[in-house]
Amino acid sequence: MSATDAGPSNNNRGSDSWSGSWAHLSVDRRSAGYCRVTFDHPPINTITATTVAELAELVGLIEQDPDLNVVVFDSANPDFYLAHYDTEHDPGRTAALGVGPTGMHAWLDLLVRLSRAPVVSIASIRGRARGAGSEFVLACDLRFASRENALLGQFEVGTGVVPGGGPMARLPRLVGRGRALEILLVADDFDGPRAERYGYVNRAIADDRLDDEVEAMASRLARFDHDAIAGTKSHVDRVTLPADSEFPPALADFFQMLGLPRPQEQFARLEALGFNADSDLERSLGRRLVESAPEV
């Protein structure tokens, strides 16, 4: 899928690099200061090695654009924002992505760089954001969820592995230790209102108002001074974001545990139930996750 052409030859709204061909997302450069990125990877917006490579490229563009103030991430699928990671039965593809400028694995690298970029990142969440999808929205600066149509969660413990993309470092800083442990260990879904109460998202907004409210906020930010936004954000980042060293150990554990027999058996059972497809299992993953666990 091609991104909206935002090059100077088109509308003087940014670099020609933004108008490249994208497979799992589209880009709409709405003004010099405002860009909207829409995830579009049917059937359920899983994150794959291709998605990671494209997001890494996109974060590089975000970092290097001196005019950009705000980027909004939304989804073309109203039922799935970012479902979760899909190894496509080839974990080696993810491992082969290598490291980014921070020296961390490409997935951790792009999340850390997005959090520290001199631009406001907003996740406009309609649909399901679980696992790596939840890790992505946690790396964004602001999170707004549909009150009626959003589900967030970290389901990995329920499959026998630890989450690898940094939620253990980010969630306690957002919601506190006890609630972070509940999200991570119980591995259930959080709807918009409960995610708001816990601090998982900034606010839950009525579904019919979500787009308008996020648009108004992004349009407002786009008109402010770039250096004032970047400077203010950098001071907040300095006292709130995890140190880079907190991220790699969990991802190493994730990869190691993913290769063990029990998690492989659980993922096989989940796939038989409809994992990675638009299925009742995916729509109700928090509730049905226990079906993959061995009997006790």
Protein backbone atom coordinates (compact mmCIF):
# COMPACT_ATOMS: atom_id res chain seq x y z
CA MET A 1 0.00 0.00 0.00
CA SER A 2 1.37 3.38 -0.96
CA ALA A 3 1.59 6.20 1.52
CA THR A 4 0.03 9.52 0.77
CA ASP A 5 2.60 11.55 -1.13
CA ALA A 6 3.80 14.20 1.28
CA GLY A 7 6.83 15.38 -0.65
CA PRO A 8 7.62 19.00 -1.45
CA SER A 9 6.67 18.43 -5.12
CA ASN A 10 3.14 17.50 -3.99
CA ASN A 11 2.06 19.78 -1.16
CA ASN A 12 5.16 21.14 0.52
CA ARG A 13 4.40 19.11 3.65
CA GLY A 14 7.59 17.18 4.22
CA SER A 15 10.24 14.97 2.71
CA ASP A 16 9.72 12.73 -0.33
CA SER A 17 10.80 9.86 1.91
CA TRP A 18 7.37 9.85 3.55
CA SER A 19 5.75 8.91 0.24
CA GLY A 20 7.52 5.56 -0.09
CA SER A 21 5.65 2.30 -0.55
CA TRP A 22 4.41 0.76 2.72
CA ALA A 23 3.04 -2.78 3.11
CA HIS A 24 1.46 -2.68 6.60
CA LEU A 25 0.58 1.00 7.06
CA SER A 26 -0.36 4.16 5.23
CA VAL A 27 0.86 7.70 5.85
CA ASP A 28 -1.17 10.90 5.59
CA ARG A 29 0.92 14.06 6.07
CA ARG A 30 -1.92 16.45 6.92
CA SER A 31 0.27 19.49 7.46
CA ALA A 32 3.91 20.32 8.02
CA GLY A 33 3.46 19.72 11.75
CA TYR A 34 1.02 16.79 11.68
CA CYS A 35 1.24 13.25 10.32
CA ARG A 36 -1.30 10.43 10.69
CA VAL A 37 -0.18 6.80 10.35
CA THR A 38 -2.82 4.11 9.84
CA PHE A 39 -2.09 0.44 10.47
CA ASP A 40 -3.52 -1.68 7.67
CA HIS A 41 -2.38 -5.31 7.69
CA PRO A 42 -5.37 -7.62 7.17
CA PRO A 43 -6.95 -9.59 8.57
CA ILE A 44 -6.22 -8.45 12.16
CA ASN A 45 -3.20 -6.12 12.06
CA THR A 46 -0.68 -8.57 13.47
CA ILE A 47 2.85 -7.25 13.90
CA THR A 48 5.42 -9.19 11.87
CA ALA A 49 9.06 -8.73 10.90
CA THR A 50 7.84 -6.61 7.98
CA THR A 51 5.84 -4.37 10.32
CA VAL A 52 8.87 -3.90 12.57
CA ALA A 53 11.09 -2.98 9.62
CA GLU A 54 8.54 -0.43 8.38
CA LEU A 55 8.03 1.08 11.82
CA ALA A 56 11.81 1.35 12.26
CA GLU A 57 12.01 3.27 8.97
CA LEU A 58 9.09 5.45 10.00
CA VAL A 59 10.64 6.30 13.38
CA GLY A 60 13.78 7.40 11.55
CA LEU A 61 11.69 9.80 9.46
CA ILE A 62 9.93 11.10 12.57
CA GLU A 63 13.24 11.77 14.32
CA GLN A 64 14.74 13.61 11.35
CA ASP A 65 11.82 15.88 10.43
CA PRO A 66 12.38 19.40 11.82
CA ASP A 67 8.81 20.51 11.08
CA LEU A 68 6.87 17.62 12.56
CA ASN A 69 5.22 18.18 15.94
CA VAL A 70 2.73 15.32 16.26
CA VAL A 71 2.08 11.87 14.79
CA VAL A 72 -1.17 9.99 15.36
CA PHE A 73 -1.29 6.19 15.01
CA ASP A 74 -4.70 4.68 14.26
CA SER A 75 -6.07 1.58 12.53
CA ALA A 76 -7.99 0.89 9.33
CA ASN A 77 -9.63 -2.06 11.10
CA PRO A 78 -12.16 -0.94 13.74
CA ASP A 79 -11.92 -4.30 15.55
CA PHE A 80 -8.14 -4.70 15.69
CA TYR A 81 -5.68 -1.90 16.40
CA LEU A 82 -2.56 -4.10 16.60
CA ALA A 83 -3.53 -7.66 17.49
CA HIS A 84 -0.13 -8.92 18.71
CA TYR A 85 3.12 -10.29 17.27
CA ASP A 86 3.07 -13.07 14.67
CA THR A 87 6.34 -14.94 14.11
CA GLU A 88 4.85 -16.48 10.94
CA HIS A 89 6.28 -19.83 12.08
CA ASP A 90 9.77 -18.45 11.50
CA PRO A 91 11.23 -16.78 14.63
CA GLY A 92 14.48 -16.41 12.72
CA ARG A 93 12.96 -13.61 10.64
CA THR A 94 12.51 -11.53 13.77
CA ALA A 95 15.98 -12.35 15.06
CA ALA A 96 17.42 -11.43 11.66
CA LEU A 97 16.11 -7.88 11.95
CA GLY A 98 19.29 -7.13 13.88
CA VAL A 99 19.87 -4.08 16.05
CA GLY A 100 19.03 -0.42 15.62
CA PRO A 101 20.95 2.76 16.43
CA THR A 102 20.53 2.20 20.18
CA GLY A 103 22.30 -1.15 19.92
CA MET A 104 19.11 -2.97 20.95
CA HIS A 105 17.04 -5.42 18.92
CA ALA A 106 15.04 -3.64 16.21
CA TRP A 107 11.70 -3.94 18.07
CA LEU A 108 13.05 -2.50 21.33
CA ASP A 109 15.06 0.06 19.39
CA LEU A 110 12.10 1.56 17.54
CA LEU A 111 9.95 1.66 20.69
CA VAL A 112 12.65 3.42 22.72
CA ARG A 113 13.38 5.89 19.93
CA LEU A 114 9.69 6.65 19.42
CA SER A 115 9.34 7.44 23.13
CA ARG A 116 12.32 9.79 23.03
CA ALA A 117 11.62 11.43 19.66
CA PRO A 118 11.15 15.24 19.72
CA VAL A 119 7.59 14.74 18.49
CA VAL A 120 4.33 13.93 20.32
CA SER A 121 3.14 10.41 19.47
CA ILE A 122 -0.55 9.66 20.01
CA ALA A 123 -2.15 6.21 19.90
CA SER A 124 -5.81 6.47 18.92
CA ILE A 125 -6.97 3.02 19.95
CA ARG A 126 -10.07 1.49 18.44
CA GLY A 127 -10.13 -2.31 18.57
CA ARG A 128 -7.72 -4.76 20.18
CA ALA A 129 -4.14 -3.92 21.21
CA ARG A 130 -2.53 -6.90 22.89
CA GLY A 131 0.99 -8.22 23.39
CA ALA A 132 3.32 -6.33 21.07
CA GLY A 133 0.37 -4.10 20.14
CA SER A 134 0.08 -3.06 23.77
CA GLU A 135 3.86 -2.59 23.89
CA PHE A 136 3.61 -0.19 20.96
CA VAL A 137 0.90 1.97 22.51
CA LEU A 138 2.81 2.02 25.81
CA ALA A 139 5.76 3.51 23.90
CA CYS A 140 3.57 6.33 22.58
CA ASP A 141 3.38 9.55 24.56
CA LEU A 142 -0.42 9.74 24.74
CA ARG A 143 -3.02 6.97 24.54
CA PHE A 144 -6.73 7.51 23.90
CA ALA A 145 -9.07 4.52 23.70
CA SER A 146 -12.58 4.02 22.42
CA ARG A 147 -14.82 3.65 25.46
CA GLU A 148 -17.02 1.07 23.75
CA ASN A 149 -14.57 -0.61 21.38
CA ALA A 150 -11.08 -1.03 22.79
CA LEU A 151 -9.39 -3.97 24.49
CA LEU A 152 -5.80 -3.87 25.74
CA GLY A 153 -3.73 -6.56 27.38
CA GLN A 154 -0.46 -8.37 27.84
CA PHE A 155 -1.39 -12.02 27.38
CA GLU A 156 2.10 -13.53 27.13
CA VAL A 157 2.31 -15.07 30.61
CA GLY A 158 -0.80 -17.05 29.75
CA THR A 159 1.11 -18.70 26.90
CA GLY A 160 4.16 -19.57 29.01
CA VAL A 161 6.51 -16.74 28.03
CA VAL A 162 7.45 -13.34 29.44
CA PRO A 163 6.53 -10.19 27.48
CA GLY A 164 9.56 -9.07 25.51
CA GLY A 165 8.87 -5.50 24.41
CA GLY A 166 9.27 -3.61 27.65
CA PRO A 167 5.88 -3.55 29.43
CA MET A 168 7.52 -4.59 32.73
CA ALA A 169 9.59 -1.39 32.53
CA ARG A 170 6.79 0.91 31.37
CA LEU A 171 3.61 -0.27 33.12
CA PRO A 172 4.73 0.14 36.77
CA ARG A 173 5.66 3.75 36.01
CA LEU A 174 2.19 4.35 34.59
CA VAL A 175 -0.15 2.34 36.80
CA GLY A 176 1.87 1.31 39.88
CA ARG A 177 3.33 -2.05 40.87
CA GLY A 178 0.17 -3.89 41.90
CA ARG A 179 -1.86 -2.94 38.85
CA ALA A 180 1.12 -3.64 36.55
CA LEU A 181 1.39 -7.14 38.02
CA GLU A 182 -2.35 -7.66 37.53
CA ILE A 183 -2.13 -6.65 33.87
CA LEU A 184 0.95 -8.78 33.24
CA LEU A 185 0.26 -11.89 35.33
CA VAL A 186 -3.50 -12.33 35.02
CA ALA A 187 -3.07 -11.75 31.26
CA ASP A 188 -6.69 -10.71 30.72
CA ASP A 189 -8.24 -7.99 28.55
CA PHE A 190 -8.84 -4.44 29.79
CA ASP A 191 -11.67 -2.51 28.18
CA GLY A 192 -11.46 1.25 27.67
CA PRO A 193 -13.05 2.35 30.97
CA ARG A 194 -10.94 0.01 33.11
CA ALA A 195 -7.78 0.91 31.18
CA GLU A 196 -8.56 4.56 31.94
CA ARG A 197 -9.13 3.89 35.66
CA TYR A 198 -5.81 2.06 35.90
CA GLY A 199 -3.85 4.68 33.96
CA TYR A 200 -3.10 2.26 31.11
CA VAL A 201 -4.49 4.95 28.77
CA ASN A 202 -4.86 8.70 29.25
CA ARG A 203 -8.60 8.67 28.63
CA ALA A 204 -11.40 6.50 27.32
CA ILE A 205 -13.50 8.53 24.86
CA ALA A 206 -16.92 7.71 23.44
CA ASP A 207 -16.35 5.87 20.18
CA ASP A 208 -18.29 8.39 18.11
CA ARG A 209 -16.13 11.21 19.50
CA LEU A 210 -12.70 9.53 19.49
CA ASP A 211 -11.63 10.60 16.00
CA ASP A 212 -12.77 14.20 16.43
CA GLU A 213 -11.12 14.65 19.83
CA VAL A 214 -7.80 13.18 18.71
CA GLU A 215 -7.93 15.23 15.50
CA ALA A 216 -8.55 18.44 17.44
CA MET A 217 -5.66 17.72 19.82
CA ALA A 218 -3.25 16.83 17.01
CA SER A 219 -4.23 19.89 14.96
CA ARG A 220 -3.65 22.08 18.02
CA LEU A 221 -0.20 20.58 18.69
CA ALA A 222 0.75 20.94 15.03
CA ARG A 223 0.51 24.75 15.35
CA PHE A 224 2.78 25.07 18.40
CA ASP A 225 6.51 25.78 18.39
CA HIS A 226 8.51 22.63 17.63
CA ASP A 227 11.42 23.47 19.93
CA ALA A 228 9.10 24.21 22.84
CA ILE A 229 7.40 20.82 22.41
CA ALA A 230 10.68 18.95 21.98
CA GLY A 231 12.34 20.68 24.92
CA THR A 232 9.43 20.17 27.29
CA LYS A 233 9.08 16.53 26.31
CA SER A 234 12.80 15.88 26.79
CA HIS A 235 12.64 17.14 30.37
CA VAL A 236 9.65 14.89 31.13
CA ASP A 237 11.40 11.95 29.42
CA ARG A 238 14.47 12.42 31.60
CA VAL A 239 12.55 11.76 34.80
CA THR A 240 9.93 9.27 33.62
CA LEU A 241 11.23 6.94 30.90
CA PRO A 242 13.02 3.68 31.75
CA ALA A 243 16.75 3.47 31.16
CA ASP A 244 17.69 1.61 27.98
CA SER A 245 19.35 -1.10 30.08
CA GLU A 246 15.95 -2.17 31.48
CA PHE A 247 14.69 -3.52 28.16
CA PRO A 248 17.04 -6.17 26.66
CA PRO A 249 16.96 -8.78 29.49
CA ALA A 250 13.21 -9.42 29.13
CA LEU A 251 13.43 -9.76 25.35
CA ALA A 252 16.27 -12.28 25.76
CA ASP A 253 14.04 -14.26 28.14
CA PHE A 254 11.15 -14.06 25.67
CA PHE A 255 13.21 -15.53 22.83
CA GLN A 256 14.64 -18.23 25.09
CA MET A 257 11.23 -19.26 26.47
CA LEU A 258 9.57 -19.13 23.06
CA GLY A 259 11.67 -22.09 21.99
CA LEU A 260 10.68 -24.29 24.92
CA PRO A 261 8.26 -27.20 24.36
CA ARG A 262 5.45 -25.96 26.62
CA PRO A 263 4.98 -22.53 25.00
CA GLN A 264 5.23 -24.11 21.55
CA GLU A 265 2.49 -26.57 22.50
CA GLN A 266 0.30 -23.77 23.83
CA PHE A 267 0.72 -21.66 20.70
CA ALA A 268 -0.16 -24.72 18.59
CA ARG A 269 -3.36 -25.16 20.61
CA LEU A 270 -4.16 -21.45 20.21
CA GLU A 271 -3.66 -21.64 16.46
CA ALA A 272 -6.06 -24.58 16.29
CA LEU A 273 -8.60 -22.37 18.08
CA GLY A 274 -8.15 -19.45 15.65
CA PHE A 275 -5.01 -17.54 16.70
CA ASN A 276 -3.74 -15.06 14.06
CA ALA A 277 -7.12 -15.09 12.27
CA ASP A 278 -10.25 -13.00 12.60
CA SER A 279 -11.91 -15.48 14.95
CA ASP A 280 -13.86 -15.60 18.17
CA LEU A 281 -10.62 -16.57 19.90
CA GLU A 282 -8.89 -13.37 18.78
CA ARG A 283 -11.92 -11.24 19.59
CA SER A 284 -12.16 -12.77 23.09
CA LEU A 285 -8.53 -13.71 23.68
CA GLY A 286 -8.38 -12.58 27.30
CA ARG A 287 -11.36 -14.76 28.24
CA ARG A 288 -10.42 -17.76 26.10
CA LEU A 289 -6.65 -17.76 26.66
CA VAL A 290 -6.91 -20.35 29.44
CA GLU A 291 -8.15 -22.87 26.88
CA SER A 292 -4.55 -23.24 25.65
CA ALA A 293 -3.14 -23.90 29.13
CA PRO A 294 -2.54 -27.52 30.23
CA GLU A 295 -4.95 -29.06 32.67
CA VAL A 296 -3.93 -28.93 36.36
